[in-house]
Each structure stands twice: as structure tokens, then as C-alpha cells.
């Protein structure tokens, strides 16, 4: 009888201990997890439909931020293979070219890969796909997502990427806000390097990509500030899918351009306008525009004068014999519109963004 009572007491202690452990819940989803893998890095692909539209463009940013958080938690570096570029992500995953693919849960796994690919637990309407035989990674992904999605940091992330950044209501009501995009903190940090109002740099980013991390031009420019890999490499930046690095590369390029026009003695307003024009068309092309305006006997230090002269550069009677025009004729309407649009967006930001 005494033995039975002892067993009963021990059983009660065991049950109570488990109840207390369940009640206590997970301590923290962001603590380092032990991932038993031979590789020291992870490669991911974000197969979420997005584009140069604010509401959709933020989806890639949300996935990227979540993925980098996971990689940090398992003490691995993360490389992004691409974002929604019509690649066959299932083949890449199955062949081992990538380790994780972010997908929409409405996108079912194609039949040929149903036996080789598994989906993680869903979050919002998304999931991460991994290879079925990558048991350690699948376990760590599910464990981390299960923990992180219950934490405040995840709720803050959702608010950051899924809240409305539409400024029309503020403009209509004459009220103000402190937000432009989920990347405000990044833009504020990098704008100091340039000496610009962060709202002006935000206007450039909106014009370039509408804050879509996955934006890519036909010329190979990538990300928020549409920076080419060759340009970024000059400044030691190689991960253009990283918002901080992308904006850093774009800002350093803008600073280099700005120094040229500052050295020419232009006033501060025209320095900005010429810098924007050169960011869009290239410094050499804008150099042609300046030389052409100078050749016409007009004020080449005033952007509006130069912009009014540029249409003449598309007329044969002006450009054919102009040896100083290294790039030949230039229509320039896109560049003129670019400068005007960025400054217009900036004025809008000034009116409502603190």
C-alpha cells in the first residue's frame, strides 16, 4: 500500500510539472536554435507574387525579414537566390539549389514534387517549402515559426508590412503621419550619409520601385533603389536584396554624383535636381546635356534651362555635327519627368509626413 502511495505521489509530481511547463509556454522564439547541418549557410527563394505596387511589394519584404530572422536564430548566413522571377522554384528546391522557398498556401505543390517537398506550418496565408529529406531543417523551421508567430516581434513585423501607407486620407484631412514605408528606419539612417531630408530619399525610392524589394528592371537594376550589381560592387555591396545594403549602395552612388555638381558651384536646389537627373540617365549623359546647353549660350547651371533645351538634342540639325555629344541624340523626356515626379512626391511627403 505504501509503495502504491509513493508511486501515486511521484506520478502527481510528474503531471504537475508538465502542467506548469505547458502553462509557462515558450520562453523566446528568437533564441539561438541548434541546427545539426553540415552547411554553414542557407539559400532561399521568395516565390510570392509581388511587383512595383506598394501593397504587393511589401510581401517580399515581409518574407525576407522573417527569413533573415530564422537564419539568425540558427546562426547561419542567408543568401537570396531570387524573388518571383518565373524560375521553377520547385525544381530548384528539389535539386538542392535552394534550401527554403516562401510560397503562398494557395499554390499547391505540383504532382511531380509531392513526394520530395514538404510545407512548413502556415502563417498568414504563406508557408515555407523545404525538401522532405531535410528533416533537421524542416523541424527547425516549424519549431521557430511556432514560437516566433506568438511573440510581439512578429506582431510588430506584421504591423510594419501590412498596415496602410496610403497618404491620401492624410492629404484630404489635413492631418500628418510619421510613416512612408516599412523601410523608414533604413532610409533615415542612410539619408544622413547623403545630407538629404529622408523624405526626399524616400521619394526617390518610391519613384524607382514603389518600395518593392523584388523590383527588377530590364537593364538588371535590382531592389528598392534599382541599383545595378556592377554599381553596388563599387561600394562593396553584393546583397542587393537586403534593404539596408540596397539603399546604402544607392545613397553612396547619389553622394558621388552630388559631389560632382557641388564642385561645379551649383546652388543647393540645382545640385539636387542635376543629381536626380544623373541618377536616372547617367552622369555622362547629363554631361552631354550641360555641354549642349552651354553651346547654345544658355545657363547650364540651371536645371530648368537645361531641361527646356534637351528636346533639341533629338533633332538631327543639332546633334549630328555636335562632336561633344558623346552619346548622340537624346530625347530626355523620361529624365525630365523623373526629376519632376521625384520632387512632386517629395512635396507631397513634406505636406503630410513629419
Protein backbone atom coordinates (compact mmCIF):
# COMPACT_ATOMS: atom_id res chain seq x y z
CA UNK A 1 0.00 0.00 0.00
CA UNK A 2 2.81 2.35 0.91
CA UNK A 3 4.51 1.62 -2.41
CA UNK A 4 1.30 2.47 -4.26
CA UNK A 5 1.07 5.79 -2.38
CA UNK A 6 4.69 6.65 -3.27
CA UNK A 7 4.07 5.86 -6.94
CA UNK A 8 0.93 7.99 -6.83
CA UNK A 9 2.84 10.93 -5.33
CA UNK A 10 5.60 10.66 -7.93
CA UNK A 11 3.03 10.44 -10.72
CA UNK A 12 1.29 13.52 -9.34
CA UNK A 13 4.57 15.47 -9.27
CA UNK A 14 5.29 14.43 -12.88
CA UNK A 15 1.85 15.52 -14.07
CA UNK A 16 2.06 18.82 -12.15
CA UNK A 17 5.49 19.52 -13.62
CA UNK A 18 4.18 19.04 -17.16
CA UNK A 19 1.16 21.24 -16.45
CA UNK A 20 3.42 24.01 -15.16
CA UNK A 21 5.69 23.65 -18.19
CA UNK A 22 2.72 23.95 -20.55
CA UNK A 23 1.38 26.92 -18.62
CA UNK A 24 4.72 28.68 -18.73
CA UNK A 25 4.81 28.41 -22.54
CA UNK A 26 7.83 29.01 -24.78
CA UNK A 27 10.35 31.40 -23.32
CA UNK A 28 11.56 33.03 -26.52
CA UNK A 29 11.34 32.19 -30.21
CA UNK A 30 14.39 34.21 -31.15
CA UNK A 31 16.96 32.40 -29.04
CA UNK A 32 19.64 30.51 -30.96
CA UNK A 33 18.49 27.07 -32.08
CA UNK A 34 20.79 24.12 -32.69
CA UNK A 35 20.60 23.20 -36.37
CA UNK A 36 22.52 19.99 -36.99
CA UNK A 37 23.57 20.69 -40.56
CA UNK A 38 26.95 20.39 -42.21
CA UNK A 39 26.44 23.59 -44.26
CA UNK A 40 27.08 26.97 -42.69
CA UNK A 41 24.65 28.92 -44.88
CA UNK A 42 21.11 28.74 -46.21
CA UNK A 43 19.80 29.75 -49.62
CA UNK A 44 16.22 30.90 -50.09
CA UNK A 45 13.89 31.89 -52.88
CA UNK A 46 10.80 34.07 -52.38
CA UNK A 47 8.08 32.83 -54.70
CA UNK A 48 5.47 35.33 -53.56
CA UNK A 49 3.67 37.32 -56.24
CA UNK A 50 4.68 40.94 -55.92
CA UNK A 51 5.62 43.87 -58.07
CA UNK A 52 6.08 47.60 -58.19
CA UNK A 53 2.88 48.27 -56.31
CA UNK A 54 3.06 49.24 -52.67
CA UNK A 55 0.57 46.74 -51.21
CA UNK A 56 2.07 43.79 -53.07
CA UNK A 57 5.67 44.92 -52.96
CA UNK A 58 5.74 44.74 -49.18
CA UNK A 59 5.10 40.98 -49.27
CA UNK A 60 8.65 40.22 -50.36
CA UNK A 61 9.98 42.49 -47.63
CA UNK A 62 7.94 40.65 -45.02
CA UNK A 63 9.23 37.26 -46.17
CA UNK A 64 12.82 38.49 -46.38
CA UNK A 65 12.71 39.92 -42.85
CA UNK A 66 11.20 36.71 -41.49
CA UNK A 67 13.74 34.53 -43.30
CA UNK A 68 16.70 36.55 -42.08
CA UNK A 69 15.30 36.27 -38.56
CA UNK A 70 15.19 32.50 -38.87
CA UNK A 71 18.73 32.35 -40.29
CA UNK A 72 20.00 34.45 -37.39
CA UNK A 73 18.27 32.17 -34.88
CA UNK A 74 20.10 29.12 -36.22
CA UNK A 75 23.34 31.06 -36.62
CA UNK A 76 23.52 30.65 -40.38
CA UNK A 77 24.09 33.21 -43.14
CA UNK A 78 21.27 33.62 -45.64
CA UNK A 79 21.51 34.12 -49.38
CA UNK A 80 18.51 35.03 -51.53
CA UNK A 81 18.52 33.24 -54.88
CA UNK A 82 15.78 35.45 -56.27
CA UNK A 83 12.28 36.80 -55.95
CA UNK A 84 9.41 35.74 -58.19
CA UNK A 85 11.40 35.72 -61.45
CA UNK A 86 9.46 32.94 -63.14
CA UNK A 87 12.00 30.35 -62.15
CA UNK A 88 10.76 26.86 -61.41
CA UNK A 89 11.23 27.14 -57.67
CA UNK A 90 10.12 23.53 -57.10
CA UNK A 91 12.86 22.21 -59.36
CA UNK A 92 15.43 24.46 -57.69
CA UNK A 93 14.36 23.19 -54.29
CA UNK A 94 14.26 19.54 -55.32
CA UNK A 95 17.69 19.79 -57.00
CA UNK A 96 19.24 21.41 -53.92
CA UNK A 97 19.88 24.82 -55.48
CA UNK A 98 17.86 26.42 -52.68
CA UNK A 99 17.00 25.24 -49.17
CA UNK A 100 13.80 27.19 -48.49
CA UNK A 101 11.12 28.59 -50.76
CA UNK A 102 8.49 31.02 -49.49
CA UNK A 103 5.16 30.24 -51.13
CA UNK A 104 1.53 31.21 -50.94
CA UNK A 105 -0.53 28.41 -49.42
CA UNK A 106 -2.95 28.71 -52.33
CA UNK A 107 -0.15 27.45 -54.59
CA UNK A 108 -0.29 23.68 -54.30
CA UNK A 109 2.85 21.58 -54.70
CA UNK A 110 2.98 20.24 -58.29
CA UNK A 111 2.42 16.50 -58.51
CA UNK A 112 6.00 15.63 -59.62
CA UNK A 113 7.33 17.13 -56.38
CA UNK A 114 4.63 16.00 -53.96
CA UNK A 115 6.86 13.21 -52.69
CA UNK A 116 10.03 15.27 -52.35
CA UNK A 117 8.85 18.60 -50.91
CA UNK A 118 7.12 19.45 -47.63
CA UNK A 119 5.47 22.65 -46.44
CA UNK A 120 6.03 24.21 -43.04
CA UNK A 121 3.24 25.25 -40.72
CA UNK A 122 1.26 28.09 -42.34
CA UNK A 123 1.47 31.70 -41.16
CA UNK A 124 -1.00 34.23 -42.50
CA UNK A 125 -1.56 32.75 -45.98
CA UNK A 126 2.04 31.67 -46.51
CA UNK A 127 4.33 28.73 -45.81
CA UNK A 128 7.94 27.71 -46.42
CA UNK A 129 8.73 24.72 -48.59
CA UNK A 130 11.76 22.52 -47.84
CA UNK A 131 12.94 19.14 -49.07
CA UNK A 132 11.29 16.22 -47.29
CA UNK A 133 14.62 14.55 -46.61
CA UNK A 134 15.96 17.71 -44.96
CA UNK A 135 14.47 16.60 -41.64
CA UNK A 136 16.56 18.84 -39.37
CA UNK A 137 15.74 21.98 -41.35
CA UNK A 138 12.03 21.20 -41.55
CA UNK A 139 11.94 20.57 -37.78
CA UNK A 140 13.78 23.81 -37.00
CA UNK A 141 11.62 25.86 -39.37
CA UNK A 142 8.40 24.56 -37.81
CA UNK A 143 9.69 24.98 -34.28
CA UNK A 144 10.88 28.54 -34.94
CA UNK A 145 7.71 29.60 -36.76
CA UNK A 146 5.62 28.09 -33.98
CA UNK A 147 7.47 30.19 -31.43
CA UNK A 148 8.03 33.43 -33.31
CA UNK A 149 4.44 33.83 -34.53
CA UNK A 150 3.32 34.03 -30.90
CA UNK A 151 5.75 36.77 -30.00
CA UNK A 152 5.42 40.52 -30.03
CA UNK A 153 8.27 40.92 -32.53
CA UNK A 154 6.18 39.05 -35.10
CA UNK A 155 3.11 41.19 -34.39
CA UNK A 156 5.26 44.29 -34.84
CA UNK A 157 6.55 42.89 -38.12
CA UNK A 158 3.01 42.32 -39.37
CA UNK A 159 2.03 45.86 -38.46
CA UNK A 160 5.10 47.19 -40.23
CA UNK A 161 4.50 45.37 -43.50
CA UNK A 162 0.72 45.07 -43.64
CA UNK A 163 -0.51 48.42 -42.35
CA UNK A 164 -1.71 51.02 -44.85
CA UNK A 165 0.82 53.58 -46.00
CA UNK A 166 -1.67 55.36 -48.27
CA UNK A 167 -1.25 59.10 -47.66
CA UNK A 168 -4.39 60.24 -49.49
CA UNK A 169 -6.53 60.32 -46.34
CA UNK A 170 -3.93 62.48 -44.57
CA UNK A 171 -3.83 64.86 -47.51
CA UNK A 172 -7.63 65.10 -47.64
CA UNK A 173 -7.99 65.63 -43.90
CA UNK A 174 -5.01 67.91 -43.45
CA UNK A 175 -3.51 65.56 -40.85
CA UNK A 176 0.05 64.31 -40.54
CA UNK A 177 1.81 61.00 -40.12
CA UNK A 178 5.34 59.82 -39.44
CA UNK A 179 5.30 56.86 -41.84
CA UNK A 180 6.03 56.46 -45.51
CA UNK A 181 7.05 52.81 -45.87
CA UNK A 182 8.23 49.79 -43.86
CA UNK A 183 11.78 50.92 -44.61
CA UNK A 184 11.64 54.34 -42.93
CA UNK A 185 14.32 53.49 -40.38
CA UNK A 186 16.68 52.29 -43.12
CA UNK A 187 16.06 55.41 -45.21
CA UNK A 188 16.61 57.72 -42.24
CA UNK A 189 19.95 56.11 -41.43
CA UNK A 190 21.23 56.20 -44.98
CA UNK A 191 19.97 59.69 -45.81
CA UNK A 192 22.36 61.13 -43.22
CA UNK A 193 25.25 59.92 -45.38
CA UNK A 194 23.88 62.00 -48.23
CA UNK A 195 22.81 65.01 -46.18
CA UNK A 196 19.28 64.83 -47.57
CA UNK A 197 15.91 65.03 -45.90
CA UNK A 198 14.90 61.37 -45.51
CA UNK A 199 11.60 62.19 -47.19
CA UNK A 200 13.44 63.21 -50.36
CA UNK A 201 15.33 59.92 -50.44
CA UNK A 202 12.00 58.14 -49.84
CA UNK A 203 10.58 59.96 -52.86
CA UNK A 204 13.45 58.60 -54.99
CA UNK A 205 12.75 55.06 -53.75
CA UNK A 206 9.03 55.39 -54.44
CA UNK A 207 9.75 56.56 -57.97
CA UNK A 208 12.29 53.78 -58.54
CA UNK A 209 10.44 50.78 -57.12
CA UNK A 210 7.40 51.87 -55.11
CA UNK A 211 9.20 50.27 -52.16
CA UNK A 212 9.13 46.82 -53.76
CA UNK A 213 12.20 44.78 -52.78
CA UNK A 214 11.58 42.39 -55.63
CA UNK A 215 11.52 45.05 -58.34
CA UNK A 216 13.90 44.38 -61.24
CA UNK A 217 14.36 46.39 -64.41
CA UNK A 218 15.10 45.12 -67.91
CA UNK A 219 18.59 46.58 -67.51
CA UNK A 220 19.32 44.43 -64.47
CA UNK A 221 18.77 47.06 -61.78
CA UNK A 222 17.54 45.48 -58.56
CA UNK A 223 15.58 46.28 -55.42
CA UNK A 224 14.34 49.39 -53.67
CA UNK A 225 16.67 51.89 -55.36
CA UNK A 226 17.06 49.91 -58.60
CA UNK A 227 20.82 49.53 -58.29
CA UNK A 228 22.84 47.51 -60.78
CA UNK A 229 25.13 44.84 -59.30
CA UNK A 230 28.14 46.43 -61.02
CA UNK A 231 27.38 49.79 -59.41
CA UNK A 232 26.80 48.26 -55.99
CA UNK A 233 30.09 46.34 -56.17
CA UNK A 234 31.98 49.63 -56.41
CA UNK A 235 30.75 50.40 -52.89
CA UNK A 236 31.35 46.93 -51.52
CA UNK A 237 27.68 45.94 -51.65
CA UNK A 238 26.81 42.50 -53.03
CA UNK A 239 23.45 41.60 -51.45
CA UNK A 240 21.02 43.89 -53.26
CA UNK A 241 18.02 42.05 -51.84
CA UNK A 242 18.99 43.33 -48.39
CA UNK A 243 17.06 46.62 -47.98
CA UNK A 244 19.80 48.21 -45.88
CA UNK A 245 22.51 47.28 -48.36
CA UNK A 246 20.45 48.29 -51.39
CA UNK A 247 19.64 51.73 -50.01
CA UNK A 248 23.25 52.11 -48.88
CA UNK A 249 24.54 51.43 -52.40
CA UNK A 250 22.01 53.78 -53.97
CA UNK A 251 22.76 56.51 -51.44
CA UNK A 252 26.52 56.24 -51.92
CA UNK A 253 26.02 56.49 -55.69
CA UNK A 254 23.86 59.58 -55.22
CA UNK A 255 26.53 61.08 -52.95
CA UNK A 256 29.20 60.51 -55.60
CA UNK A 257 27.03 62.23 -58.22
CA UNK A 258 26.16 65.07 -55.86
CA UNK A 259 29.84 65.84 -55.23
CA UNK A 260 30.34 66.45 -58.96
CA UNK A 261 27.65 69.13 -59.16
CA UNK A 262 28.58 70.69 -55.85
CA UNK A 263 32.14 71.10 -57.16
CA UNK A 264 30.71 72.88 -60.22
CA UNK A 265 29.39 75.62 -57.93
CA UNK A 266 25.69 74.97 -58.47
CA UNK A 267 23.25 76.18 -55.84
CA UNK A 268 21.78 73.57 -53.47
CA UNK A 269 18.45 73.26 -55.30
CA UNK A 270 20.09 72.67 -58.66
CA UNK A 271 22.60 70.26 -57.14
CA UNK A 272 19.66 68.09 -56.12
CA UNK A 273 17.94 68.37 -59.50
CA UNK A 274 21.06 67.53 -61.50
CA UNK A 275 21.85 64.67 -59.11
CA UNK A 276 18.39 63.19 -59.66
CA UNK A 277 18.72 63.59 -63.43
CA UNK A 278 22.10 61.84 -63.44
CA UNK A 279 20.82 59.03 -61.21
CA UNK A 280 18.19 58.36 -63.86
CA UNK A 281 20.09 58.96 -67.11
CA UNK A 282 23.73 58.63 -66.08
CA UNK A 283 26.37 61.25 -65.33
CA UNK A 284 27.89 61.12 -68.80
CA UNK A 285 24.54 61.67 -70.49
CA UNK A 286 23.75 64.67 -68.28
CA UNK A 287 27.24 65.93 -69.07
CA UNK A 288 26.18 65.95 -72.72
CA UNK A 289 23.08 67.95 -71.78
CA UNK A 290 25.19 70.51 -69.93
CA UNK A 291 27.60 70.84 -72.86
CA UNK A 292 24.73 71.21 -75.30
CA UNK A 293 23.09 73.93 -73.20
CA UNK A 294 26.43 75.73 -72.87
CA UNK A 295 26.88 75.54 -76.65
CA UNK A 296 23.51 77.24 -77.08
CA UNK A 297 24.74 80.14 -74.96
CA UNK A 298 22.30 79.35 -72.15
CA UNK A 299 22.69 78.93 -68.40
CA UNK A 300 23.95 75.37 -67.93
CA UNK A 301 23.89 75.71 -64.14
CA UNK A 302 20.09 75.91 -64.02
CA UNK A 303 18.31 72.57 -64.43
CA UNK A 304 15.08 74.08 -65.74
CA UNK A 305 17.03 75.81 -68.53
CA UNK A 306 18.85 72.60 -69.36
CA UNK A 307 15.57 70.64 -69.30
CA UNK A 308 13.99 73.11 -71.71
CA UNK A 309 16.96 72.69 -74.06
CA UNK A 310 17.12 68.89 -74.01
CA UNK A 311 14.33 68.29 -76.63
CA UNK A 312 16.56 69.98 -79.21
CA UNK A 313 19.11 67.18 -78.70
CA UNK A 314 16.76 64.80 -80.52
CA UNK A 315 16.74 66.91 -83.68
CA UNK A 316 19.33 65.94 -86.36
CA UNK A 317 20.23 69.54 -87.18
CA UNK A 318 21.52 69.93 -83.62
CA UNK A 319 23.06 66.59 -82.68
CA UNK A 320 24.59 65.29 -85.93
CA UNK A 321 27.51 67.73 -86.02
CA UNK A 322 27.89 68.12 -82.27
CA UNK A 323 31.07 66.15 -81.63
CA UNK A 324 30.92 66.96 -77.92
CA UNK A 325 27.76 64.85 -77.59
CA UNK A 326 29.43 61.57 -76.68
CA UNK A 327 26.13 59.68 -76.64
CA UNK A 328 24.49 61.24 -79.67
CA UNK A 329 20.88 62.30 -79.71
CA UNK A 330 18.84 62.31 -76.52
CA UNK A 331 15.09 62.60 -76.17
CA UNK A 332 15.31 63.10 -72.42
CA UNK A 333 11.57 63.17 -71.72
CA UNK A 334 11.87 60.29 -69.23
CA UNK A 335 14.63 62.04 -67.29
CA UNK A 336 12.82 65.38 -67.25
CA UNK A 337 9.69 63.63 -65.98
CA UNK A 338 11.75 61.67 -63.43
CA UNK A 339 13.13 64.81 -61.78
CA UNK A 340 9.71 66.45 -61.79
CA UNK A 341 7.99 63.39 -60.33
CA UNK A 342 10.51 62.85 -57.52
CA UNK A 343 10.26 66.48 -56.43
CA UNK A 344 6.46 66.34 -56.66
CA UNK A 345 6.37 63.23 -54.45
CA UNK A 346 8.75 64.97 -52.04
CA UNK A 347 6.43 67.98 -51.82
CA UNK A 348 3.58 65.62 -51.03
CA UNK A 349 5.63 63.98 -48.29
CA UNK A 350 6.53 67.37 -46.87
CA UNK A 351 2.87 68.26 -46.58
CA UNK A 352 1.82 65.23 -44.52
CA UNK A 353 4.89 63.40 -43.18
CA UNK A 354 6.51 64.70 -40.03
